[in-house]
């Protein structure tokens, strides 16, 4: 049985302006809220690895067992949040992100 389009959300990608993709809404919103709660407003912010480590405990049990596939979902959310100017990446190596 296929899911309806209501179970999806459009996400943007800062690297490809004007193009959107559709991803599962439940996982998108759970990851988005957990990431935003884990991030700081202070530049230069946190690395992706630091954000991932702080995000996993904020997600429902069993959604990403052992963090499996969480990196993909976080990257999708990160690019969408950057495209919407909710977060910004610092010009550092490794990359760091912070809330705007």
N, C-alpha and C. Protein backbone atom coordinates (compact mmCIF):
# COMPACT_ATOMS: atom_id res chain seq x y z
N UNK A 1 0.84 -1.17 0.00
CA UNK A 1 0.00 0.00 0.00
C UNK A 1 0.89 1.24 0.00
N UNK A 2 0.67 2.15 -0.93
CA UNK A 2 1.51 3.35 -1.00
C UNK A 2 0.97 4.43 -0.08
N UNK A 3 1.88 5.26 0.37
CA UNK A 3 1.49 6.37 1.23
C UNK A 3 0.95 7.51 0.38
N UNK A 4 0.07 8.29 0.96
CA UNK A 4 -0.48 9.43 0.24
C UNK A 4 0.53 10.58 0.23
N UNK A 5 0.29 11.55 -0.63
CA UNK A 5 1.19 12.70 -0.71
C UNK A 5 1.15 13.53 0.57
N UNK A 6 0.11 13.32 1.39
CA UNK A 6 0.01 14.05 2.66
C UNK A 6 1.07 13.57 3.65
N UNK A 7 1.66 12.42 3.41
CA UNK A 7 2.70 11.88 4.27
C UNK A 7 4.08 12.38 3.88
N UNK A 8 4.14 13.30 2.93
CA UNK A 8 5.41 13.81 2.42
C UNK A 8 5.51 15.32 2.67
N UNK A 9 6.71 15.81 2.64
CA UNK A 9 6.97 17.24 2.78
C UNK A 9 7.99 17.63 1.70
N UNK A 10 7.82 18.82 1.13
CA UNK A 10 8.78 19.33 0.14
C UNK A 10 9.97 19.93 0.87
N UNK A 11 11.16 19.54 0.45
CA UNK A 11 12.38 20.11 1.02
C UNK A 11 13.18 20.77 -0.08
N UNK A 12 13.82 21.85 0.28
CA UNK A 12 14.68 22.59 -0.65
C UNK A 12 16.13 22.15 -0.45
N UNK A 13 16.98 22.56 -1.35
CA UNK A 13 18.40 22.27 -1.26
C UNK A 13 19.14 23.54 -1.63
N UNK A 14 19.92 24.06 -0.70
CA UNK A 14 20.64 25.31 -0.94
C UNK A 14 21.57 25.21 -2.14
N UNK A 15 22.01 23.99 -2.48
CA UNK A 15 22.93 23.78 -3.60
C UNK A 15 22.23 23.75 -4.95
N UNK A 16 20.92 23.56 -4.97
CA UNK A 16 20.15 23.54 -6.22
C UNK A 16 18.89 24.38 -6.05
N UNK A 17 19.03 25.70 -6.06
CA UNK A 17 17.88 26.59 -5.86
C UNK A 17 16.75 26.31 -6.85
N UNK A 18 15.54 26.38 -6.34
CA UNK A 18 14.36 26.19 -7.18
C UNK A 18 13.93 24.75 -7.32
N UNK A 19 14.76 23.82 -6.90
CA UNK A 19 14.42 22.40 -7.00
C UNK A 19 14.02 21.90 -5.62
N UNK A 20 12.94 21.13 -5.58
CA UNK A 20 12.52 20.53 -4.32
C UNK A 20 12.45 19.02 -4.47
N UNK A 21 12.51 18.37 -3.33
CA UNK A 21 12.35 16.92 -3.27
C UNK A 21 11.29 16.64 -2.22
N UNK A 22 10.68 15.47 -2.31
CA UNK A 22 9.66 15.08 -1.35
C UNK A 22 10.22 13.96 -0.48
N UNK A 23 10.10 14.15 0.83
CA UNK A 23 10.58 13.15 1.78
C UNK A 23 9.48 12.88 2.80
N UNK A 24 9.63 11.80 3.54
CA UNK A 24 8.66 11.43 4.55
C UNK A 24 8.51 12.52 5.60
N UNK A 25 7.28 12.96 5.83
CA UNK A 25 7.01 14.07 6.73
C UNK A 25 7.33 13.75 8.18
N UNK A 26 6.98 12.56 8.65
CA UNK A 26 7.19 12.24 10.06
C UNK A 26 8.66 12.30 10.42
N UNK A 27 9.49 11.61 9.65
CA UNK A 27 10.92 11.61 9.95
C UNK A 27 11.52 13.00 9.75
N UNK A 28 11.10 13.71 8.70
CA UNK A 28 11.61 15.06 8.46
C UNK A 28 11.37 15.94 9.69
N UNK A 29 10.12 16.00 10.16
CA UNK A 29 9.79 16.90 11.27
C UNK A 29 10.46 16.47 12.58
N UNK A 30 10.56 15.18 12.82
CA UNK A 30 11.24 14.70 14.04
C UNK A 30 12.72 15.10 14.00
N UNK A 31 13.39 14.85 12.87
CA UNK A 31 14.81 15.18 12.76
C UNK A 31 15.00 16.70 12.82
N UNK A 32 14.15 17.44 12.15
CA UNK A 32 14.26 18.91 12.13
C UNK A 32 14.18 19.48 13.55
N UNK A 33 13.17 19.06 14.30
CA UNK A 33 13.01 19.59 15.66
C UNK A 33 14.18 19.18 16.56
N UNK A 34 14.64 17.95 16.44
CA UNK A 34 15.76 17.49 17.26
C UNK A 34 17.05 18.23 16.89
N UNK A 35 17.26 18.47 15.60
CA UNK A 35 18.45 19.21 15.18
C UNK A 35 18.42 20.64 15.68
N UNK A 36 17.28 21.31 15.51
CA UNK A 36 17.17 22.70 15.95
C UNK A 36 17.39 22.82 17.45
N UNK A 37 16.89 21.84 18.21
CA UNK A 37 17.09 21.85 19.66
C UNK A 37 18.56 21.64 20.03
N UNK A 38 19.30 20.94 19.19
CA UNK A 38 20.70 20.62 19.46
C UNK A 38 21.66 21.72 19.02
N UNK A 39 21.19 22.67 18.21
CA UNK A 39 22.08 23.67 17.64
C UNK A 39 22.13 24.94 18.48
N UNK A 40 23.20 25.71 18.27
CA UNK A 40 23.42 26.96 18.99
C UNK A 40 23.27 28.15 18.05
N UNK A 41 23.00 29.32 18.63
CA UNK A 41 22.97 30.55 17.84
C UNK A 41 24.36 31.18 17.76
N UNK A 42 25.26 30.68 18.56
CA UNK A 42 26.60 31.25 18.61
C UNK A 42 27.46 30.74 17.46
N UNK A 43 27.96 31.68 16.64
CA UNK A 43 28.88 31.31 15.57
C UNK A 43 30.21 30.94 16.20
N UNK A 44 30.96 30.02 15.69
CA UNK A 44 30.77 29.36 14.42
C UNK A 44 29.83 28.16 14.48
N UNK A 45 29.34 27.80 15.66
CA UNK A 45 28.39 26.70 15.77
C UNK A 45 29.04 25.36 16.00
N UNK A 46 28.30 24.32 15.62
CA UNK A 46 28.74 22.95 15.86
C UNK A 46 29.00 22.22 14.55
N UNK A 47 29.87 21.22 14.63
CA UNK A 47 30.12 20.38 13.46
C UNK A 47 28.91 19.48 13.24
N UNK A 48 28.83 18.90 12.05
CA UNK A 48 27.74 17.97 11.73
C UNK A 48 27.78 16.79 12.70
N UNK A 49 28.98 16.29 13.00
CA UNK A 49 29.12 15.15 13.91
C UNK A 49 28.62 15.50 15.31
N UNK A 50 28.91 16.71 15.78
CA UNK A 50 28.44 17.14 17.10
C UNK A 50 26.91 17.27 17.12
N UNK A 51 26.37 17.81 16.04
CA UNK A 51 24.91 17.95 15.95
C UNK A 51 24.26 16.57 15.91
N UNK A 52 24.86 15.64 15.16
CA UNK A 52 24.31 14.29 15.06
C UNK A 52 24.30 13.61 16.43
N UNK A 53 25.40 13.74 17.16
CA UNK A 53 25.49 13.11 18.48
C UNK A 53 24.44 13.69 19.44
N UNK A 54 24.15 14.97 19.32
CA UNK A 54 23.16 15.61 20.19
C UNK A 54 21.73 15.39 19.70
N UNK A 55 21.56 15.08 18.43
CA UNK A 55 20.22 14.89 17.85
C UNK A 55 19.64 13.52 18.16
N UNK A 56 20.44 12.48 18.07
CA UNK A 56 19.93 11.11 18.22
C UNK A 56 19.15 10.89 19.52
N UNK A 57 19.63 11.37 20.68
CA UNK A 57 18.86 11.14 21.91
C UNK A 57 17.49 11.85 21.92
N UNK A 58 17.32 12.87 21.09
CA UNK A 58 16.06 13.61 21.05
C UNK A 58 15.02 13.01 20.12
N UNK A 59 15.35 11.91 19.48
CA UNK A 59 14.43 11.27 18.54
C UNK A 59 13.68 10.11 19.20
N UNK A 60 12.48 9.81 18.70
CA UNK A 60 11.73 8.69 19.28
C UNK A 60 12.52 7.38 19.21
N UNK A 61 12.38 6.58 20.25
CA UNK A 61 13.05 5.28 20.29
C UNK A 61 12.67 4.45 19.07
N UNK A 62 13.66 3.84 18.46
CA UNK A 62 13.42 2.95 17.34
C UNK A 62 13.30 3.62 15.99
N UNK A 63 13.28 4.96 15.94
CA UNK A 63 13.14 5.63 14.64
C UNK A 63 14.39 5.42 13.80
N UNK A 64 15.56 5.53 14.41
CA UNK A 64 16.84 5.32 13.74
C UNK A 64 17.70 4.44 14.64
N UNK A 65 17.44 3.13 14.69
CA UNK A 65 18.20 2.25 15.58
C UNK A 65 19.70 2.38 15.38
N UNK A 66 20.38 2.73 16.45
CA UNK A 66 21.83 2.88 16.37
C UNK A 66 22.29 4.01 15.47
N UNK A 67 21.39 4.91 15.12
CA UNK A 67 21.74 6.02 14.24
C UNK A 67 21.68 5.67 12.77
N UNK A 68 21.20 4.45 12.43
CA UNK A 68 21.13 3.99 11.05
C UNK A 68 20.28 4.92 10.20
N UNK A 69 20.85 5.43 9.13
CA UNK A 69 20.21 6.33 8.16
C UNK A 69 19.94 7.73 8.70
N UNK A 70 20.32 8.00 9.94
CA UNK A 70 20.11 9.33 10.50
C UNK A 70 20.93 10.37 9.74
N UNK A 71 22.15 10.03 9.33
CA UNK A 71 23.00 10.99 8.61
C UNK A 71 22.34 11.49 7.34
N UNK A 72 21.70 10.59 6.59
CA UNK A 72 21.01 10.99 5.35
C UNK A 72 19.89 11.97 5.67
N UNK A 73 19.08 11.64 6.66
CA UNK A 73 17.96 12.51 7.02
C UNK A 73 18.46 13.86 7.53
N UNK A 74 19.51 13.85 8.33
CA UNK A 74 20.05 15.11 8.84
C UNK A 74 20.58 15.98 7.71
N UNK A 75 21.26 15.37 6.73
CA UNK A 75 21.79 16.15 5.60
C UNK A 75 20.66 16.78 4.82
N UNK A 76 19.59 16.03 4.60
CA UNK A 76 18.43 16.55 3.88
C UNK A 76 17.82 17.72 4.63
N UNK A 77 17.66 17.58 5.93
CA UNK A 77 17.11 18.66 6.76
C UNK A 77 18.07 19.84 6.79
N UNK A 78 19.35 19.58 6.94
CA UNK A 78 20.35 20.66 6.99
C UNK A 78 20.31 21.51 5.72
N UNK A 79 20.29 20.87 4.56
CA UNK A 79 20.26 21.61 3.29
C UNK A 79 18.96 22.41 3.15
N UNK A 80 17.85 21.84 3.61
CA UNK A 80 16.57 22.54 3.58
C UNK A 80 16.59 23.75 4.51
N UNK A 81 17.10 23.58 5.72
CA UNK A 81 17.16 24.69 6.67
C UNK A 81 18.09 25.80 6.19
N UNK A 82 19.17 25.43 5.53
CA UNK A 82 20.05 26.44 4.95
C UNK A 82 19.35 27.20 3.84
N UNK A 83 18.63 26.47 2.97
CA UNK A 83 17.91 27.12 1.87
C UNK A 83 16.86 28.08 2.39
N UNK A 84 16.30 27.79 3.55
CA UNK A 84 15.27 28.64 4.15
C UNK A 84 15.85 29.69 5.10
N UNK A 85 17.19 29.75 5.17
CA UNK A 85 17.92 30.72 6.01
C UNK A 85 17.57 30.58 7.50
N UNK A 86 17.28 29.36 7.94
CA UNK A 86 17.02 29.10 9.36
C UNK A 86 18.33 28.78 10.06
N UNK A 87 19.25 28.16 9.32
CA UNK A 87 20.60 27.92 9.83
C UNK A 87 21.59 28.46 8.80
N UNK A 88 22.80 28.63 9.27
CA UNK A 88 23.86 29.14 8.39
C UNK A 88 25.10 28.30 8.63
N UNK A 89 25.88 28.11 7.57
CA UNK A 89 27.14 27.39 7.73
C UNK A 89 28.27 28.40 7.89
N UNK A 90 29.18 28.11 8.81
CA UNK A 90 30.35 28.96 9.01
C UNK A 90 31.42 28.53 8.02
N UNK A 91 32.26 29.45 7.64
CA UNK A 91 33.34 29.16 6.70
C UNK A 91 34.52 28.58 7.48
N UNK A 92 34.35 27.35 7.94
CA UNK A 92 35.37 26.67 8.73
C UNK A 92 35.59 25.27 8.17
N UNK A 93 36.67 24.67 8.59
CA UNK A 93 36.93 23.26 8.28
C UNK A 93 37.20 22.58 9.60
N UNK A 94 36.46 21.58 10.00
CA UNK A 94 35.28 21.08 9.31
C UNK A 94 34.15 22.11 9.35
N UNK A 95 33.16 21.91 8.48
CA UNK A 95 32.02 22.81 8.45
C UNK A 95 31.32 22.83 9.81
N UNK A 96 30.83 24.01 10.14
CA UNK A 96 30.06 24.19 11.37
C UNK A 96 28.78 24.92 11.00
N UNK A 97 27.73 24.67 11.76
CA UNK A 97 26.41 25.24 11.50
C UNK A 97 25.87 25.88 12.75
N UNK A 98 25.12 26.98 12.56
CA UNK A 98 24.50 27.65 13.70
C UNK A 98 23.16 28.23 13.27
N UNK A 99 22.30 28.48 14.26
CA UNK A 99 20.99 29.05 14.01
C UNK A 99 21.12 30.53 13.65
N UNK A 100 20.28 30.99 12.73
CA UNK A 100 20.31 32.42 12.36
C UNK A 100 19.34 33.20 13.21
